């Protein structure tokens, strides 16, 4: 898939060093998501959801990593699981553009909404998703007692 100069491809083992580099520059994400697991174990947990890990490129250079699923077990809807943008490319609209491209794909498939869950204390993540078209839907408490804001992006 390509739009303008931004394109994506399926994540491969060759992309692991890039993912590790982006994680190194994303301490909050690593704390919340990876939680001390090695990267292979972390990614394997998500594979059970039948989702898709992707690498995003701008003019051929790796700029972002995403994971999304088209059919979440929780509500049978598409969910964004991860989006990490290379440190030097942040605050340039890359993450928003990536979400825009994902939502365009989902619309073509006839989907009406795209969900994301965010720890309630991660305001910057909430602001980012809001800027990308997501809205507050509800809050949920995880099995371990953590509060999450569930956000939805209407695909109208």
C-alpha atoms as a PDB file:
ATOM      1  CA  UNK A   1       0.000   0.000   0.000  1.00  0.00           C
ATOM      2  CA  UNK A   2       1.297   3.476  -0.784  1.00  0.00           C
ATOM      3  CA  UNK A   3      -0.162   6.944  -0.546  1.00  0.00           C
ATOM      4  CA  UNK A   4       2.049   9.834  -1.525  1.00  0.00           C
ATOM      5  CA  UNK A   5       5.459   9.115  -0.123  1.00  0.00           C
ATOM      6  CA  UNK A   6       4.197   7.061   2.833  1.00  0.00           C
ATOM      7  CA  UNK A   7       3.872   3.315   2.342  1.00  0.00           C
ATOM      8  CA  UNK A   8       3.548   0.254   4.549  1.00  0.00           C
ATOM      9  CA  UNK A   9       4.532  -3.379   4.390  1.00  0.00           C
ATOM     10  CA  UNK A  10       4.155  -6.428   6.574  1.00  0.00           C
ATOM     11  CA  UNK A  11       6.622  -6.500   9.478  1.00  0.00           C
ATOM     12  CA  UNK A  12       9.539  -8.915   8.932  1.00  0.00           C
ATOM     13  CA  UNK A  13      12.500 -10.012  11.015  1.00  0.00           C
ATOM     14  CA  UNK A  14      14.590  -7.445   9.139  1.00  0.00           C
ATOM     15  CA  UNK A  15      12.483  -4.738  10.828  1.00  0.00           C
ATOM     16  CA  UNK A  16      13.323  -5.848  14.388  1.00  0.00           C
ATOM     17  CA  UNK A  17      16.340  -3.514  14.809  1.00  0.00           C
ATOM     18  CA  UNK A  18      14.179  -0.549  13.783  1.00  0.00           C
ATOM     19  CA  UNK A  19      11.432  -1.563  16.222  1.00  0.00           C
ATOM     20  CA  UNK A  20      14.009  -1.856  19.019  1.00  0.00           C
ATOM     21  CA  UNK A  21      15.343   1.614  18.136  1.00  0.00           C
ATOM     22  CA  UNK A  22      11.869   3.147  18.296  1.00  0.00           C
ATOM     23  CA  UNK A  23      11.138   1.398  21.600  1.00  0.00           C
ATOM     24  CA  UNK A  24      14.389   2.744  23.065  1.00  0.00           C
ATOM     25  CA  UNK A  25      13.071   6.265  22.379  1.00  0.00           C
ATOM     26  CA  UNK A  26       9.601   5.458  23.777  1.00  0.00           C
ATOM     27  CA  UNK A  27      10.083   4.785  27.494  1.00  0.00           C
ATOM     28  CA  UNK A  28       6.414   5.383  28.382  1.00  0.00           C
ATOM     29  CA  UNK A  29       5.259   2.922  25.749  1.00  0.00           C
ATOM     30  CA  UNK A  30       7.794   0.334  26.847  1.00  0.00           C
ATOM     31  CA  UNK A  31       6.660   0.657  30.464  1.00  0.00           C
ATOM     32  CA  UNK A  32       2.953   0.396  29.634  1.00  0.00           C
ATOM     33  CA  UNK A  33       3.011  -2.114  26.816  1.00  0.00           C
ATOM     34  CA  UNK A  34       6.135  -4.222  26.741  1.00  0.00           C
ATOM     35  CA  UNK A  35       6.360  -4.360  30.553  1.00  0.00           C
ATOM     36  CA  UNK A  36       9.742  -6.074  30.667  1.00  0.00           C
ATOM     37  CA  UNK A  37       8.854  -8.799  28.160  1.00  0.00           C
ATOM     38  CA  UNK A  38      11.302  -9.432  25.380  1.00  0.00           C
ATOM     39  CA  UNK A  39      10.109  -8.138  22.029  1.00  0.00           C
ATOM     40  CA  UNK A  40       9.417 -11.580  20.556  1.00  0.00           C
ATOM     41  CA  UNK A  41       7.160 -12.526  23.485  1.00  0.00           C
ATOM     42  CA  UNK A  42       5.395  -9.169  23.293  1.00  0.00           C
ATOM     43  CA  UNK A  43       4.699  -9.527  19.569  1.00  0.00           C
ATOM     44  CA  UNK A  44       3.599 -13.145  19.974  1.00  0.00           C
ATOM     45  CA  UNK A  45       0.916 -12.048  22.476  1.00  0.00           C
ATOM     46  CA  UNK A  46      -0.573  -9.821  19.804  1.00  0.00           C
ATOM     47  CA  UNK A  47      -0.315 -12.428  17.037  1.00  0.00           C
ATOM     48  CA  UNK A  48      -3.011 -14.400  18.857  1.00  0.00           C
ATOM     49  CA  UNK A  49      -5.410 -11.579  17.909  1.00  0.00           C
ATOM     50  CA  UNK A  50      -4.900 -12.273  14.193  1.00  0.00           C
ATOM     51  CA  UNK A  51      -3.760  -8.736  13.664  1.00  0.00           C
ATOM     52  CA  UNK A  52      -1.129  -7.224  11.477  1.00  0.00           C
ATOM     53  CA  UNK A  53       2.226  -5.715  12.395  1.00  0.00           C
ATOM     54  CA  UNK A  54       3.381  -3.168   9.809  1.00  0.00           C
ATOM     55  CA  UNK A  55       6.387  -1.043   9.059  1.00  0.00           C
ATOM     56  CA  UNK A  56       5.713   2.394   7.597  1.00  0.00           C
ATOM     57  CA  UNK A  57       8.167   4.165   5.329  1.00  0.00           C
ATOM     58  CA  UNK A  58       8.588   7.681   4.014  1.00  0.00           C
ATOM     59  CA  UNK A  59      10.589   7.761   0.780  1.00  0.00           C
ATOM     60  CA  UNK A  60      11.795   4.242   1.595  1.00  0.00           C
ATOM     61  CA  UNK A  61      13.031   5.075   5.121  1.00  0.00           C
ATOM     62  CA  UNK A  62      11.406   3.299   8.083  1.00  0.00           C
ATOM     63  CA  UNK A  63       9.449   5.842  10.133  1.00  0.00           C
ATOM     64  CA  UNK A  64       6.821   3.947  12.167  1.00  0.00           C
ATOM     65  CA  UNK A  65       5.546   0.612  13.459  1.00  0.00           C
ATOM     66  CA  UNK A  66       1.895  -0.268  13.938  1.00  0.00           C
ATOM     67  CA  UNK A  67      -0.226  -3.179  15.029  1.00  0.00           C
ATOM     68  CA  UNK A  68      -3.931  -3.364  14.361  1.00  0.00           C
ATOM     69  CA  UNK A  69      -6.532  -6.073  14.265  1.00  0.00           C
ATOM     70  CA  UNK A  70      -9.542  -6.131  11.989  1.00  0.00           C
ATOM     71  CA  UNK A  71     -11.645  -8.255  14.329  1.00  0.00           C
ATOM     72  CA  UNK A  72     -11.035  -7.873  18.059  1.00  0.00           C
ATOM     73  CA  UNK A  73     -12.350 -10.630  20.326  1.00  0.00           C
ATOM     74  CA  UNK A  74     -13.824  -7.972  22.642  1.00  0.00           C
ATOM     75  CA  UNK A  75     -16.332  -6.414  20.227  1.00  0.00           C
ATOM     76  CA  UNK A  76     -15.642  -7.927  16.779  1.00  0.00           C
ATOM     77  CA  UNK A  77     -14.424  -4.517  15.520  1.00  0.00           C
ATOM     78  CA  UNK A  78     -11.045  -3.204  14.318  1.00  0.00           C
ATOM     79  CA  UNK A  79      -8.630  -1.977  17.001  1.00  0.00           C
ATOM     80  CA  UNK A  80      -5.366  -0.074  16.931  1.00  0.00           C
ATOM     81  CA  UNK A  81      -2.964  -1.849  19.276  1.00  0.00           C
ATOM     82  CA  UNK A  82       0.307  -0.005  18.746  1.00  0.00           C
ATOM     83  CA  UNK A  83       1.625   2.994  16.888  1.00  0.00           C
ATOM     84  CA  UNK A  84       5.205   4.136  17.397  1.00  0.00           C
ATOM     85  CA  UNK A  85       6.874   6.805  15.276  1.00  0.00           C
ATOM     86  CA  UNK A  86      10.626   7.291  14.964  1.00  0.00           C
ATOM     87  CA  UNK A  87      11.767   9.987  17.390  1.00  0.00           C
ATOM     88  CA  UNK A  88      13.075  12.362  14.697  1.00  0.00           C
ATOM     89  CA  UNK A  89       9.759  12.122  12.828  1.00  0.00           C
ATOM     90  CA  UNK A  90       7.453  12.875  15.749  1.00  0.00           C
ATOM     91  CA  UNK A  91       5.304  16.008  15.814  1.00  0.00           C
ATOM     92  CA  UNK A  92       5.324  16.181  12.016  1.00  0.00           C
ATOM     93  CA  UNK A  93       1.930  14.618  11.349  1.00  0.00           C
ATOM     94  CA  UNK A  94       3.318  11.163  10.526  1.00  0.00           C
ATOM     95  CA  UNK A  95       1.307   9.288  13.169  1.00  0.00           C
ATOM     96  CA  UNK A  96      -1.888  11.072  12.171  1.00  0.00           C
ATOM     97  CA  UNK A  97      -1.239  10.273   8.505  1.00  0.00           C
ATOM     98  CA  UNK A  98      -0.622   6.607   9.327  1.00  0.00           C
ATOM     99  CA  UNK A  99      -3.948   6.446  11.174  1.00  0.00           C
ATOM    100  CA  UNK A 100      -5.622   8.228   8.252  1.00  0.00           C
ATOM    101  CA  UNK A 101      -4.283   5.563   5.878  1.00  0.00           C
ATOM    102  CA  UNK A 102      -5.404   2.727   8.172  1.00  0.00           C
ATOM    103  CA  UNK A 103      -8.885   4.212   8.526  1.00  0.00           C
ATOM    104  CA  UNK A 104      -9.151   4.594   4.730  1.00  0.00           C
ATOM    105  CA  UNK A 105      -8.404   0.859   4.357  1.00  0.00           C
ATOM    106  CA  UNK A 106     -10.989  -0.021   6.980  1.00  0.00           C
ATOM    107  CA  UNK A 107     -13.625   2.176   5.306  1.00  0.00           C
ATOM    108  CA  UNK A 108     -13.026   0.368   2.005  1.00  0.00           C
ATOM    109  CA  UNK A 109     -13.739  -2.896   3.830  1.00  0.00           C
ATOM    110  CA  UNK A 110     -17.050  -1.473   5.039  1.00  0.00           C
ATOM    111  CA  UNK A 111     -16.039  -0.886   8.648  1.00  0.00           C
ATOM    112  CA  UNK A 112     -17.857   1.861  10.547  1.00  0.00           C
ATOM    113  CA  UNK A 113     -15.493   2.352  13.510  1.00  0.00           C
ATOM    114  CA  UNK A 114     -11.907   1.888  14.691  1.00  0.00           C
ATOM    115  CA  UNK A 115     -11.149   1.483  18.413  1.00  0.00           C
ATOM    116  CA  UNK A 116      -8.149   2.099  20.670  1.00  0.00           C
ATOM    117  CA  UNK A 117      -7.568   1.621  24.399  1.00  0.00           C
ATOM    118  CA  UNK A 118      -5.326   4.022  26.290  1.00  0.00           C
ATOM    119  CA  UNK A 119      -4.225   4.018  29.936  1.00  0.00           C
ATOM    120  CA  UNK A 120      -6.220   6.879  31.466  1.00  0.00           C
ATOM    121  CA  UNK A 121      -3.076   8.546  32.807  1.00  0.00           C
ATOM    122  CA  UNK A 122      -1.380   8.861  29.376  1.00  0.00           C
ATOM    123  CA  UNK A 123      -2.743  12.272  28.416  1.00  0.00           C
ATOM    124  CA  UNK A 124      -0.306  12.773  25.525  1.00  0.00           C
ATOM    125  CA  UNK A 125      -1.506   9.536  23.938  1.00  0.00           C
ATOM    126  CA  UNK A 126      -5.120  10.608  24.389  1.00  0.00           C
ATOM    127  CA  UNK A 127      -4.396  14.018  22.834  1.00  0.00           C
ATOM    128  CA  UNK A 128      -2.621  12.382  19.907  1.00  0.00           C
ATOM    129  CA  UNK A 129      -5.499   9.992  19.213  1.00  0.00           C
ATOM    130  CA  UNK A 130      -7.982  12.859  19.562  1.00  0.00           C
ATOM    131  CA  UNK A 131      -6.030  14.847  16.975  1.00  0.00           C
ATOM    132  CA  UNK A 132      -6.175  11.778  14.708  1.00  0.00           C
ATOM    133  CA  UNK A 133      -9.991  11.604  14.877  1.00  0.00           C
ATOM    134  CA  UNK A 134     -10.650   9.378  17.885  1.00  0.00           C
ATOM    135  CA  UNK A 135     -13.293  10.290  20.466  1.00  0.00           C
ATOM    136  CA  UNK A 136     -13.858   9.147  24.030  1.00  0.00           C
ATOM    137  CA  UNK A 137     -16.221   6.171  24.107  1.00  0.00           C
ATOM    138  CA  UNK A 138     -16.073   4.779  27.652  1.00  0.00           C
ATOM    139  CA  UNK A 139     -13.730   3.738  30.435  1.00  0.00           C
ATOM    140  CA  UNK A 140     -12.894   0.185  31.448  1.00  0.00           C
ATOM    141  CA  UNK A 141     -10.985  -1.414  34.295  1.00  0.00           C
ATOM    142  CA  UNK A 142      -8.577  -4.212  33.399  1.00  0.00           C
ATOM    143  CA  UNK A 143      -8.333  -7.458  35.357  1.00  0.00           C
ATOM    144  CA  UNK A 144      -5.316  -6.024  37.196  1.00  0.00           C
ATOM    145  CA  UNK A 145      -7.248  -2.888  38.246  1.00  0.00           C
ATOM    146  CA  UNK A 146      -5.823  -0.425  35.707  1.00  0.00           C
ATOM    147  CA  UNK A 147      -8.155   2.154  34.189  1.00  0.00           C
ATOM    148  CA  UNK A 148      -8.328   2.569  30.409  1.00  0.00           C
ATOM    149  CA  UNK A 149     -10.036   5.097  28.196  1.00  0.00           C
ATOM    150  CA  UNK A 150     -11.633   3.363  25.242  1.00  0.00           C
ATOM    151  CA  UNK A 151     -11.629   5.616  22.211  1.00  0.00           C
ATOM    152  CA  UNK A 152     -13.404   5.239  18.882  1.00  0.00           C
ATOM    153  CA  UNK A 153     -12.761   6.786  15.501  1.00  0.00           C
ATOM    154  CA  UNK A 154     -15.996   6.941  13.485  1.00  0.00           C
ATOM    155  CA  UNK A 155     -15.370   5.887   9.886  1.00  0.00           C
ATOM    156  CA  UNK A 156     -18.008   7.968   8.172  1.00  0.00           C
END
